[in-house]
């Protein structure tokens, strides 16, 4: 017989991180996902799985009418429709791969 003693702790780690310019806020509003992306804490969204449905719908909407969203390309050239759509898809994939991950944003 033996006494086994362990000290363990769980280390938090980022499973995904990305940045996007605030210049695309208008496009996010047009797609209906501004609060989901920029202010999830204010609408009670805390876990990645809660973003899957709204981001999926936004991608479909944006792909169905690119001109509607390109009209929101920032005039200063910082950010555009194509880059934002790609960014959303990558974020969506990360949410699907890590559905229990806690969402943190820094504005």
PDB file of N, CA and C in Angstrom:
ATOM      1  N   UNK A   1       0.849  -1.172   0.000  1.00  0.00           N
ATOM      2  CA  UNK A   1       0.000   0.000   0.000  1.00  0.00           C
ATOM      3  C   UNK A   1       0.893   1.232   0.000  1.00  0.00           C
ATOM      4  N   UNK A   2       0.336   2.271  -0.555  1.00  0.00           N
ATOM      5  CA  UNK A   2       1.103   3.523  -0.588  1.00  0.00           C
ATOM      6  C   UNK A   2       0.154   4.712  -0.500  1.00  0.00           C
ATOM      7  N   UNK A   3       0.743   5.795  -0.163  1.00  0.00           N
ATOM      8  CA  UNK A   3       0.019   7.063  -0.159  1.00  0.00           C
ATOM      9  C   UNK A   3       0.475   7.820  -1.387  1.00  0.00           C
ATOM     10  N   UNK A   4      -0.454   8.135  -2.262  1.00  0.00           N
ATOM     11  CA  UNK A   4      -0.144   8.916  -3.451  1.00  0.00           C
ATOM     12  C   UNK A   4      -0.697  10.319  -3.254  1.00  0.00           C
ATOM     13  N   UNK A   5       0.138  11.308  -3.401  1.00  0.00           N
ATOM     14  CA  UNK A   5      -0.263  12.698  -3.217  1.00  0.00           C
ATOM     15  C   UNK A   5      -0.007  13.452  -4.514  1.00  0.00           C
ATOM     16  N   UNK A   6      -0.982  14.240  -4.931  1.00  0.00           N
ATOM     17  CA  UNK A   6      -0.865  15.021  -6.162  1.00  0.00           C
ATOM     18  C   UNK A   6      -1.324  16.454  -5.915  1.00  0.00           C
ATOM     19  N   UNK A   7      -0.644  17.361  -6.514  1.00  0.00           N
ATOM     20  CA  UNK A   7      -1.103  18.742  -6.581  1.00  0.00           C
ATOM     21  C   UNK A   7      -1.350  19.031  -8.059  1.00  0.00           C
ATOM     22  N   UNK A   8      -2.561  19.362  -8.389  1.00  0.00           N
ATOM     23  CA  UNK A   8      -2.904  19.619  -9.783  1.00  0.00           C
ATOM     24  C   UNK A   8      -3.620  20.948  -9.890  1.00  0.00           C
ATOM     25  N   UNK A   9      -3.449  21.582 -11.023  1.00  0.00           N
ATOM     26  CA  UNK A   9      -4.249  22.765 -11.302  1.00  0.00           C
ATOM     27  C   UNK A   9      -4.502  22.830 -12.799  1.00  0.00           C
ATOM     28  N   UNK A  10      -5.618  23.378 -13.138  1.00  0.00           N
ATOM     29  CA  UNK A  10      -5.984  23.547 -14.529  1.00  0.00           C
ATOM     30  C   UNK A  10      -5.497  24.911 -14.981  1.00  0.00           C
ATOM     31  N   UNK A  11      -4.780  24.912 -16.056  1.00  0.00           N
ATOM     32  CA  UNK A  11      -4.270  26.161 -16.603  1.00  0.00           C
ATOM     33  C   UNK A  11      -5.172  26.598 -17.753  1.00  0.00           C
ATOM     34  N   UNK A  12      -5.664  27.804 -17.658  1.00  0.00           N
ATOM     35  CA  UNK A  12      -6.449  28.341 -18.763  1.00  0.00           C
ATOM     36  C   UNK A  12      -5.522  28.632 -19.933  1.00  0.00           C
ATOM     37  N   UNK A  13      -6.010  28.370 -21.114  1.00  0.00           N
ATOM     38  CA  UNK A  13      -5.220  28.648 -22.305  1.00  0.00           C
ATOM     39  C   UNK A  13      -6.143  29.130 -23.416  1.00  0.00           C
ATOM     40  N   UNK A  14      -5.666  30.014 -24.230  1.00  0.00           N
ATOM     41  CA  UNK A  14      -6.450  30.468 -25.373  1.00  0.00           C
ATOM     42  C   UNK A  14      -6.465  29.363 -26.416  1.00  0.00           C
ATOM     43  N   UNK A  15      -7.641  29.085 -26.945  1.00  0.00           N
ATOM     44  CA  UNK A  15      -7.748  28.110 -28.019  1.00  0.00           C
ATOM     45  C   UNK A  15      -7.937  28.809 -29.362  1.00  0.00           C
ATOM     46  N   UNK A  16      -8.178  30.120 -29.315  1.00  0.00           N
ATOM     47  CA  UNK A  16      -8.335  30.914 -30.524  1.00  0.00           C
ATOM     48  C   UNK A  16      -8.227  32.379 -30.142  1.00  0.00           C
ATOM     49  N   UNK A  17      -7.630  33.156 -30.991  1.00  0.00           N
ATOM     50  CA  UNK A  17      -7.642  34.604 -30.810  1.00  0.00           C
ATOM     51  C   UNK A  17      -7.521  35.255 -32.179  1.00  0.00           C
ATOM     52  N   UNK A  18      -8.144  36.393 -32.326  1.00  0.00           N
ATOM     53  CA  UNK A  18      -8.105  37.123 -33.594  1.00  0.00           C
ATOM     54  C   UNK A  18      -8.471  38.571 -33.336  1.00  0.00           C
ATOM     55  N   UNK A  19      -8.031  39.422 -34.234  1.00  0.00           N
ATOM     56  CA  UNK A  19      -8.355  40.848 -34.156  1.00  0.00           C
ATOM     57  C   UNK A  19      -9.055  41.267 -35.435  1.00  0.00           C
ATOM     58  N   UNK A  20      -9.915  42.272 -35.298  1.00  0.00           N
ATOM     59  CA  UNK A  20     -10.573  42.857 -36.462  1.00  0.00           C
ATOM     60  C   UNK A  20     -10.774  44.339 -36.166  1.00  0.00           C
ATOM     61  N   UNK A  21     -10.724  45.143 -37.182  1.00  0.00           N
ATOM     62  CA  UNK A  21     -10.853  46.577 -36.992  1.00  0.00           C
ATOM     63  C   UNK A  21     -12.279  46.997 -36.618  1.00  0.00           C
ATOM     64  N   UNK A  22     -12.358  48.013 -35.788  1.00  0.00           N
ATOM     65  CA  UNK A  22     -13.660  48.582 -35.428  1.00  0.00           C
ATOM     66  C   UNK A  22     -14.334  49.220 -36.644  1.00  0.00           C
ATOM     67  N   UNK A  23     -13.570  49.479 -37.687  1.00  0.00           N
ATOM     68  CA  UNK A  23     -14.142  50.068 -38.899  1.00  0.00           C
ATOM     69  C   UNK A  23     -15.204  49.176 -39.537  1.00  0.00           C
ATOM     70  N   UNK A  24     -15.227  47.903 -39.166  1.00  0.00           N
ATOM     71  CA  UNK A  24     -16.201  46.977 -39.747  1.00  0.00           C
ATOM     72  C   UNK A  24     -17.454  46.838 -38.895  1.00  0.00           C
ATOM     73  N   UNK A  25     -17.579  47.655 -37.874  1.00  0.00           N
ATOM     74  CA  UNK A  25     -18.762  47.613 -37.012  1.00  0.00           C
ATOM     75  C   UNK A  25     -20.052  47.847 -37.775  1.00  0.00           C
ATOM     76  N   UNK A  26     -20.039  48.755 -38.721  1.00  0.00           N
ATOM     77  CA  UNK A  26     -21.231  49.041 -39.518  1.00  0.00           C
ATOM     78  C   UNK A  26     -21.661  47.816 -40.325  1.00  0.00           C
ATOM     79  N   UNK A  27     -20.689  47.110 -40.873  1.00  0.00           N
ATOM     80  CA  UNK A  27     -20.995  45.899 -41.634  1.00  0.00           C
ATOM     81  C   UNK A  27     -21.545  44.817 -40.711  1.00  0.00           C
ATOM     82  N   UNK A  28     -20.968  44.712 -39.527  1.00  0.00           N
ATOM     83  CA  UNK A  28     -21.456  43.734 -38.549  1.00  0.00           C
ATOM     84  C   UNK A  28     -22.896  44.040 -38.151  1.00  0.00           C
ATOM     85  N   UNK A  29     -23.215  45.320 -37.989  1.00  0.00           N
ATOM     86  CA  UNK A  29     -24.598  45.705 -37.667  1.00  0.00           C
ATOM     87  C   UNK A  29     -25.531  45.322 -38.797  1.00  0.00           C
ATOM     88  N   UNK A  30     -25.103  45.567 -40.035  1.00  0.00           N
ATOM     89  CA  UNK A  30     -25.923  45.220 -41.199  1.00  0.00           C
ATOM     90  C   UNK A  30     -26.173  43.707 -41.253  1.00  0.00           C
ATOM     91  N   UNK A  31     -25.203  42.924 -40.811  1.00  0.00           N
ATOM     92  CA  UNK A  31     -25.330  41.458 -40.805  1.00  0.00           C
ATOM     93  C   UNK A  31     -26.044  40.943 -39.550  1.00  0.00           C
ATOM     94  N   UNK A  32     -26.347  41.845 -38.611  1.00  0.00           N
ATOM     95  CA  UNK A  32     -27.067  41.448 -37.402  1.00  0.00           C
ATOM     96  C   UNK A  32     -26.205  40.781 -36.346  1.00  0.00           C
ATOM     97  N   UNK A  33     -24.886  40.983 -36.410  1.00  0.00           N
ATOM     98  CA  UNK A  33     -24.007  40.290 -35.465  1.00  0.00           C
ATOM     99  C   UNK A  33     -23.100  41.223 -34.661  1.00  0.00           C
ATOM    100  N   UNK A  34     -23.356  42.513 -34.733  1.00  0.00           N
ATOM    101  CA  UNK A  34     -22.485  43.437 -34.005  1.00  0.00           C
ATOM    102  C   UNK A  34     -22.411  43.076 -32.527  1.00  0.00           C
ATOM    103  N   UNK A  35     -23.536  42.925 -31.869  1.00  0.00           N
ATOM    104  CA  UNK A  35     -23.529  42.618 -30.430  1.00  0.00           C
ATOM    105  C   UNK A  35     -22.888  41.272 -30.138  1.00  0.00           C
ATOM    106  N   UNK A  36     -23.078  40.309 -31.010  1.00  0.00           N
ATOM    107  CA  UNK A  36     -22.480  38.987 -30.818  1.00  0.00           C
ATOM    108  C   UNK A  36     -20.954  39.063 -30.873  1.00  0.00           C
ATOM    109  N   UNK A  37     -20.438  39.934 -31.727  1.00  0.00           N
ATOM    110  CA  UNK A  37     -18.991  40.038 -31.877  1.00  0.00           C
ATOM    111  C   UNK A  37     -18.364  41.027 -30.907  1.00  0.00           C
ATOM    112  N   UNK A  38     -18.908  42.231 -30.852  1.00  0.00           N
ATOM    113  CA  UNK A  38     -18.282  43.290 -30.062  1.00  0.00           C
ATOM    114  C   UNK A  38     -18.758  43.334 -28.611  1.00  0.00           C
ATOM    115  N   UNK A  39     -19.969  42.892 -28.325  1.00  0.00           N
ATOM    116  CA  UNK A  39     -20.521  43.038 -26.978  1.00  0.00           C
ATOM    117  C   UNK A  39     -21.284  41.797 -26.491  1.00  0.00           C
ATOM    118  N   UNK A  40     -20.691  40.622 -26.630  1.00  0.00           N
ATOM    119  CA  UNK A  40     -21.412  39.405 -26.220  1.00  0.00           C
ATOM    120  C   UNK A  40     -21.796  39.424 -24.741  1.00  0.00           C
ATOM    121  N   UNK A  41     -20.950  40.013 -23.908  1.00  0.00           N
ATOM    122  CA  UNK A  41     -21.221  40.083 -22.476  1.00  0.00           C
ATOM    123  C   UNK A  41     -22.496  40.864 -22.185  1.00  0.00           C
ATOM    124  N   UNK A  42     -22.820  41.840 -23.001  1.00  0.00           N
ATOM    125  CA  UNK A  42     -24.000  42.668 -22.772  1.00  0.00           C
ATOM    126  C   UNK A  42     -25.295  41.973 -23.180  1.00  0.00           C
ATOM    127  N   UNK A  43     -25.199  40.901 -23.970  1.00  0.00           N
ATOM    128  CA  UNK A  43     -26.404  40.174 -24.373  1.00  0.00           C
ATOM    129  C   UNK A  43     -26.432  38.753 -23.797  1.00  0.00           C
ATOM    130  N   UNK A  44     -25.575  38.508 -22.811  1.00  0.00           N
ATOM    131  CA  UNK A  44     -25.592  37.229 -22.107  1.00  0.00           C
ATOM    132  C   UNK A  44     -24.927  36.071 -22.832  1.00  0.00           C
ATOM    133  N   UNK A  45     -24.086  36.357 -23.810  1.00  0.00           N
ATOM    134  CA  UNK A  45     -23.376  35.307 -24.547  1.00  0.00           C
ATOM    135  C   UNK A  45     -22.030  35.084 -23.865  1.00  0.00           C
ATOM    136  N   UNK A  46     -21.798  33.857 -23.410  1.00  0.00           N
ATOM    137  CA  UNK A  46     -20.565  33.573 -22.673  1.00  0.00           C
ATOM    138  C   UNK A  46     -19.754  32.408 -23.240  1.00  0.00           C
ATOM    139  N   UNK A  47     -20.366  31.536 -24.018  1.00  0.00           N
ATOM    140  CA  UNK A  47     -19.685  30.344 -24.530  1.00  0.00           C
ATOM    141  C   UNK A  47     -19.735  30.294 -26.059  1.00  0.00           C
ATOM    142  N   UNK A  48     -18.688  29.725 -26.626  1.00  0.00           N
ATOM    143  CA  UNK A  48     -18.532  29.683 -28.079  1.00  0.00           C
ATOM    144  C   UNK A  48     -19.733  29.064 -28.791  1.00  0.00           C
ATOM    145  N   UNK A  49     -20.320  28.040 -28.229  1.00  0.00           N
ATOM    146  CA  UNK A  49     -21.452  27.383 -28.900  1.00  0.00           C
ATOM    147  C   UNK A  49     -22.623  28.337 -29.126  1.00  0.00           C
ATOM    148  N   UNK A  50     -22.700  29.388 -28.329  1.00  0.00           N
ATOM    149  CA  UNK A  50     -23.791  30.354 -28.466  1.00  0.00           C
ATOM    150  C   UNK A  50     -23.603  31.270 -29.677  1.00  0.00           C
ATOM    151  N   UNK A  51     -22.429  31.262 -30.260  1.00  0.00           N
ATOM    152  CA  UNK A  51     -22.164  32.080 -31.443  1.00  0.00           C
ATOM    153  C   UNK A  51     -22.370  31.313 -32.747  1.00  0.00           C
ATOM    154  N   UNK A  52     -22.465  30.014 -32.675  1.00  0.00           N
ATOM    155  CA  UNK A  52     -22.525  29.204 -33.897  1.00  0.00           C
ATOM    156  C   UNK A  52     -23.716  29.580 -34.773  1.00  0.00           C
ATOM    157  N   UNK A  53     -24.903  29.611 -34.221  1.00  0.00           N
ATOM    158  CA  UNK A  53     -26.094  29.921 -35.031  1.00  0.00           C
ATOM    159  C   UNK A  53     -26.058  31.337 -35.598  1.00  0.00           C
ATOM    160  N   UNK A  54     -25.812  32.369 -34.779  1.00  0.00           N
ATOM    161  CA  UNK A  54     -25.818  33.716 -35.372  1.00  0.00           C
ATOM    162  C   UNK A  54     -24.706  33.951 -36.396  1.00  0.00           C
ATOM    163  N   UNK A  55     -23.540  33.383 -36.179  1.00  0.00           N
ATOM    164  CA  UNK A  55     -22.465  33.563 -37.154  1.00  0.00           C
ATOM    165  C   UNK A  55     -22.754  32.797 -38.439  1.00  0.00           C
ATOM    166  N   UNK A  56     -23.338  31.616 -38.314  1.00  0.00           N
ATOM    167  CA  UNK A  56     -23.722  30.836 -39.492  1.00  0.00           C
ATOM    168  C   UNK A  56     -24.723  31.609 -40.343  1.00  0.00           C
ATOM    169  N   UNK A  57     -25.720  32.183 -39.684  1.00  0.00           N
ATOM    170  CA  UNK A  57     -26.731  32.964 -40.409  1.00  0.00           C
ATOM    171  C   UNK A  57     -26.116  34.201 -41.053  1.00  0.00           C
ATOM    172  N   UNK A  58     -25.202  34.846 -40.361  1.00  0.00           N
ATOM    173  CA  UNK A  58     -24.552  36.039 -40.912  1.00  0.00           C
ATOM    174  C   UNK A  58     -23.741  35.694 -42.156  1.00  0.00           C
ATOM    175  N   UNK A  59     -23.032  34.580 -42.125  1.00  0.00           N
ATOM    176  CA  UNK A  59     -22.251  34.160 -43.289  1.00  0.00           C
ATOM    177  C   UNK A  59     -23.179  33.937 -44.479  1.00  0.00           C
ATOM    178  N   UNK A  60     -24.280  33.234 -44.260  1.00  0.00           N
ATOM    179  CA  UNK A  60     -25.241  32.982 -45.345  1.00  0.00           C
ATOM    180  C   UNK A  60     -25.769  34.293 -45.909  1.00  0.00           C
ATOM    181  N   UNK A  61     -26.142  35.208 -45.027  1.00  0.00           N
ATOM    182  CA  UNK A  61     -26.680  36.493 -45.446  1.00  0.00           C
ATOM    183  C   UNK A  61     -25.647  37.295 -46.235  1.00  0.00           C
ATOM    184  N   UNK A  62     -24.442  37.342 -45.724  1.00  0.00           N
ATOM    185  CA  UNK A  62     -23.391  38.116 -46.386  1.00  0.00           C
ATOM    186  C   UNK A  62     -23.017  37.523 -47.739  1.00  0.00           C
ATOM    187  N   UNK A  63     -23.006  36.209 -47.831  1.00  0.00           N
ATOM    188  CA  UNK A  63     -22.669  35.569 -49.103  1.00  0.00           C
ATOM    189  C   UNK A  63     -23.792  35.695 -50.125  1.00  0.00           C
ATOM    190  N   UNK A  64     -25.028  35.836 -49.651  1.00  0.00           N
ATOM    191  CA  UNK A  64     -26.166  35.915 -50.565  1.00  0.00           C
ATOM    192  C   UNK A  64     -26.297  37.290 -51.230  1.00  0.00           C
ATOM    193  N   UNK A  65     -25.686  38.316 -50.626  1.00  0.00           N
ATOM    194  CA  UNK A  65     -25.817  39.663 -51.170  1.00  0.00           C
ATOM    195  C   UNK A  65     -24.554  40.479 -50.885  1.00  0.00           C
ATOM    196  N   UNK A  66     -23.450  40.147 -51.526  1.00  0.00           N
ATOM    197  CA  UNK A  66     -22.188  40.834 -51.248  1.00  0.00           C
ATOM    198  C   UNK A  66     -22.258  42.352 -51.411  1.00  0.00           C
ATOM    199  N   UNK A  67     -22.976  42.822 -52.418  1.00  0.00           N
ATOM    200  CA  UNK A  67     -23.060  44.258 -52.663  1.00  0.00           C
ATOM    201  C   UNK A  67     -23.628  45.029 -51.484  1.00  0.00           C
ATOM    202  N   UNK A  68     -24.590  44.436 -50.827  1.00  0.00           N
ATOM    203  CA  UNK A  68     -25.198  45.060 -49.648  1.00  0.00           C
ATOM    204  C   UNK A  68     -24.151  45.325 -48.570  1.00  0.00           C
ATOM    205  N   UNK A  69     -23.217  44.418 -48.434  1.00  0.00           N
ATOM    206  CA  UNK A  69     -22.207  44.519 -47.382  1.00  0.00           C
ATOM    207  C   UNK A  69     -20.963  45.277 -47.847  1.00  0.00           C
ATOM    208  N   UNK A  70     -20.635  45.160 -49.115  1.00  0.00           N
ATOM    209  CA  UNK A  70     -19.503  45.917 -49.639  1.00  0.00           C
ATOM    210  C   UNK A  70     -19.761  47.420 -49.545  1.00  0.00           C
ATOM    211  N   UNK A  71     -21.032  47.793 -49.544  1.00  0.00           N
ATOM    212  CA  UNK A  71     -21.391  49.205 -49.386  1.00  0.00           C
ATOM    213  C   UNK A  71     -20.923  49.743 -48.033  1.00  0.00           C
ATOM    214  N   UNK A  72     -20.622  48.850 -47.100  1.00  0.00           N
ATOM    215  CA  UNK A  72     -20.148  49.229 -45.765  1.00  0.00           C
ATOM    216  C   UNK A  72     -18.624  49.146 -45.637  1.00  0.00           C
ATOM    217  N   UNK A  73     -17.928  48.898 -46.749  1.00  0.00           N
ATOM    218  CA  UNK A  73     -16.467  48.917 -46.692  1.00  0.00           C
ATOM    219  C   UNK A  73     -16.019  50.295 -46.198  1.00  0.00           C
ATOM    220  N   UNK A  74     -15.134  50.340 -45.226  1.00  0.00           N
ATOM    221  CA  UNK A  74     -14.685  51.630 -44.688  1.00  0.00           C
ATOM    222  C   UNK A  74     -13.987  52.475 -45.763  1.00  0.00           C
ATOM    223  N   UNK A  75     -14.329  53.751 -45.831  1.00  0.00           N
ATOM    224  CA  UNK A  75     -13.704  54.612 -46.836  1.00  0.00           C
ATOM    225  C   UNK A  75     -12.199  54.777 -46.658  1.00  0.00           C
ATOM    226  N   UNK A  76     -11.700  54.553 -45.450  1.00  0.00           N
ATOM    227  CA  UNK A  76     -10.256  54.711 -45.229  1.00  0.00           C
ATOM    228  C   UNK A  76      -9.461  53.474 -45.649  1.00  0.00           C
ATOM    229  N   UNK A  77     -10.155  52.417 -46.094  1.00  0.00           N
ATOM    230  CA  UNK A  77      -9.473  51.228 -46.580  1.00  0.00           C
ATOM    231  C   UNK A  77      -9.041  50.233 -45.511  1.00  0.00           C
ATOM    232  N   UNK A  78      -9.282  50.549 -44.250  1.00  0.00           N
ATOM    233  CA  UNK A  78      -8.921  49.633 -43.163  1.00  0.00           C
ATOM    234  C   UNK A  78     -10.068  48.660 -42.945  1.00  0.00           C
ATOM    235  N   UNK A  79      -9.983  47.508 -43.570  1.00  0.00           N
ATOM    236  CA  UNK A  79     -11.021  46.482 -43.474  1.00  0.00           C
ATOM    237  C   UNK A  79     -11.872  46.478 -44.733  1.00  0.00           C
ATOM    238  N   UNK A  80     -12.385  45.298 -45.072  1.00  0.00           N
ATOM    239  CA  UNK A  80     -13.281  45.187 -46.218  1.00  0.00           C
ATOM    240  C   UNK A  80     -14.145  43.934 -46.080  1.00  0.00           C
ATOM    241  N   UNK A  81     -15.121  43.833 -46.979  1.00  0.00           N
ATOM    242  CA  UNK A  81     -16.077  42.730 -46.972  1.00  0.00           C
ATOM    243  C   UNK A  81     -15.387  41.365 -46.997  1.00  0.00           C
ATOM    244  N   UNK A  82     -14.467  41.183 -47.942  1.00  0.00           N
ATOM    245  CA  UNK A  82     -13.826  39.878 -48.099  1.00  0.00           C
ATOM    246  C   UNK A  82     -13.063  39.469 -46.838  1.00  0.00           C
ATOM    247  N   UNK A  83     -12.299  40.396 -46.299  1.00  0.00           N
ATOM    248  CA  UNK A  83     -11.540  40.090 -45.086  1.00  0.00           C
ATOM    249  C   UNK A  83     -12.422  39.826 -43.884  1.00  0.00           C
ATOM    250  N   UNK A  84     -13.501  40.584 -43.768  1.00  0.00           N
ATOM    251  CA  UNK A  84     -14.409  40.398 -42.644  1.00  0.00           C
ATOM    252  C   UNK A  84     -15.127  39.060 -42.744  1.00  0.00           C
ATOM    253  N   UNK A  85     -15.592  38.719 -43.937  1.00  0.00           N
ATOM    254  CA  UNK A  85     -16.269  37.434 -44.125  1.00  0.00           C
ATOM    255  C   UNK A  85     -15.326  36.279 -43.803  1.00  0.00           C
ATOM    256  N   UNK A  86     -14.096  36.364 -44.257  1.00  0.00           N
ATOM    257  CA  UNK A  86     -13.092  35.334 -43.949  1.00  0.00           C
ATOM    258  C   UNK A  86     -12.870  35.250 -42.434  1.00  0.00           C
ATOM    259  N   UNK A  87     -12.769  36.397 -41.768  1.00  0.00           N
ATOM    260  CA  UNK A  87     -12.567  36.462 -40.319  1.00  0.00           C
ATOM    261  C   UNK A  87     -13.738  35.801 -39.583  1.00  0.00           C
ATOM    262  N   UNK A  88     -14.955  36.100 -40.008  1.00  0.00           N
ATOM    263  CA  UNK A  88     -16.141  35.497 -39.373  1.00  0.00           C
ATOM    264  C   UNK A  88     -16.119  33.979 -39.546  1.00  0.00           C
ATOM    265  N   UNK A  89     -15.798  33.505 -40.732  1.00  0.00           N
ATOM    266  CA  UNK A  89     -15.759  32.064 -40.986  1.00  0.00           C
ATOM    267  C   UNK A  89     -14.707  31.378 -40.113  1.00  0.00           C
ATOM    268  N   UNK A  90     -13.566  32.008 -39.954  1.00  0.00           N
ATOM    269  CA  UNK A  90     -12.524  31.431 -39.098  1.00  0.00           C
ATOM    270  C   UNK A  90     -12.979  31.396 -37.640  1.00  0.00           C
ATOM    271  N   UNK A  91     -13.619  32.455 -37.196  1.00  0.00           N
ATOM    272  CA  UNK A  91     -14.147  32.515 -35.826  1.00  0.00           C
ATOM    273  C   UNK A  91     -15.220  31.449 -35.639  1.00  0.00           C
ATOM    274  N   UNK A  92     -16.093  31.301 -36.614  1.00  0.00           N
ATOM    275  CA  UNK A  92     -17.136  30.280 -36.571  1.00  0.00           C
ATOM    276  C   UNK A  92     -16.525  28.882 -36.481  1.00  0.00           C
ATOM    277  N   UNK A  93     -15.520  28.614 -37.285  1.00  0.00           N
ATOM    278  CA  UNK A  93     -14.847  27.302 -37.222  1.00  0.00           C
ATOM    279  C   UNK A  93     -14.258  27.064 -35.831  1.00  0.00           C
ATOM    280  N   UNK A  94     -13.649  28.099 -35.255  1.00  0.00           N
ATOM    281  CA  UNK A  94     -13.070  27.966 -33.914  1.00  0.00           C
ATOM    282  C   UNK A  94     -14.159  27.696 -32.878  1.00  0.00           C
ATOM    283  N   UNK A  95     -15.309  28.328 -33.040  1.00  0.00           N
ATOM    284  CA  UNK A  95     -16.425  28.090 -32.112  1.00  0.00           C
ATOM    285  C   UNK A  95     -16.922  26.646 -32.219  1.00  0.00           C
ATOM    286  N   UNK A  96     -16.983  26.137 -33.431  1.00  0.00           N
ATOM    287  CA  UNK A  96     -17.422  24.754 -33.637  1.00  0.00           C
ATOM    288  C   UNK A  96     -16.425  23.764 -33.051  1.00  0.00           C
ATOM    289  N   UNK A  97     -15.144  24.078 -33.164  1.00  0.00           N
ATOM    290  CA  UNK A  97     -14.096  23.188 -32.646  1.00  0.00           C
ATOM    291  C   UNK A  97     -13.972  23.266 -31.125  1.00  0.00           C
ATOM    292  N   UNK A  98     -14.426  24.370 -30.527  1.00  0.00           N
ATOM    293  CA  UNK A  98     -14.284  24.598 -29.082  1.00  0.00           C
ATOM    294  C   UNK A  98     -15.583  25.133 -28.494  1.00  0.00           C
ATOM    295  N   UNK A  99     -16.672  24.379 -28.603  1.00  0.00           N
ATOM    296  CA  UNK A  99     -17.983  24.912 -28.217  1.00  0.00           C
ATOM    297  C   UNK A  99     -18.102  25.327 -26.753  1.00  0.00           C
ATOM    298  N   UNK A 100     -17.351  24.739 -25.881  1.00  0.00           N
ATOM    299  CA  UNK A 100     -17.428  25.086 -24.459  1.00  0.00           C
ATOM    300  C   UNK A 100     -16.507  26.205 -24.044  1.00  0.00           C
ATOM    301  N   UNK A 101     -15.731  26.730 -24.983  1.00  0.00           N
ATOM    302  CA  UNK A 101     -14.771  27.787 -24.640  1.00  0.00           C
ATOM    303  C   UNK A 101     -15.497  29.049 -24.195  1.00  0.00           C
ATOM    304  N   UNK A 102     -14.910  29.704 -23.217  1.00  0.00           N
ATOM    305  CA  UNK A 102     -15.466  30.961 -22.725  1.00  0.00           C
ATOM    306  C   UNK A 102     -15.041  32.089 -23.656  1.00  0.00           C
ATOM    307  N   UNK A 103     -15.988  32.971 -23.944  1.00  0.00           N
ATOM    308  CA  UNK A 103     -15.724  34.095 -24.844  1.00  0.00           C
ATOM    309  C   UNK A 103     -15.213  35.277 -24.027  1.00  0.00           C
ATOM    310  N   UNK A 104     -14.143  35.851 -24.473  1.00  0.00           N
ATOM    311  CA  UNK A 104     -13.599  37.076 -23.888  1.00  0.00           C
ATOM    312  C   UNK A 104     -13.347  38.053 -25.033  1.00  0.00           C
ATOM    313  N   UNK A 105     -13.747  39.299 -24.850  1.00  0.00           N
ATOM    314  CA  UNK A 105     -13.463  40.318 -25.850  1.00  0.00           C
ATOM    315  C   UNK A 105     -12.787  41.505 -25.184  1.00  0.00           C
ATOM    316  N   UNK A 106     -11.994  42.195 -25.943  1.00  0.00           N
ATOM    317  CA  UNK A 106     -11.364  43.422 -25.471  1.00  0.00           C
ATOM    318  C   UNK A 106     -11.645  44.493 -26.514  1.00  0.00           C
ATOM    319  N   UNK A 107     -12.355  45.514 -26.069  1.00  0.00           N
ATOM    320  CA  UNK A 107     -12.710  46.584 -26.996  1.00  0.00           C
ATOM    321  C   UNK A 107     -11.764  47.731 -26.773  1.00  0.00           C
TER     322      UNK A 107
END
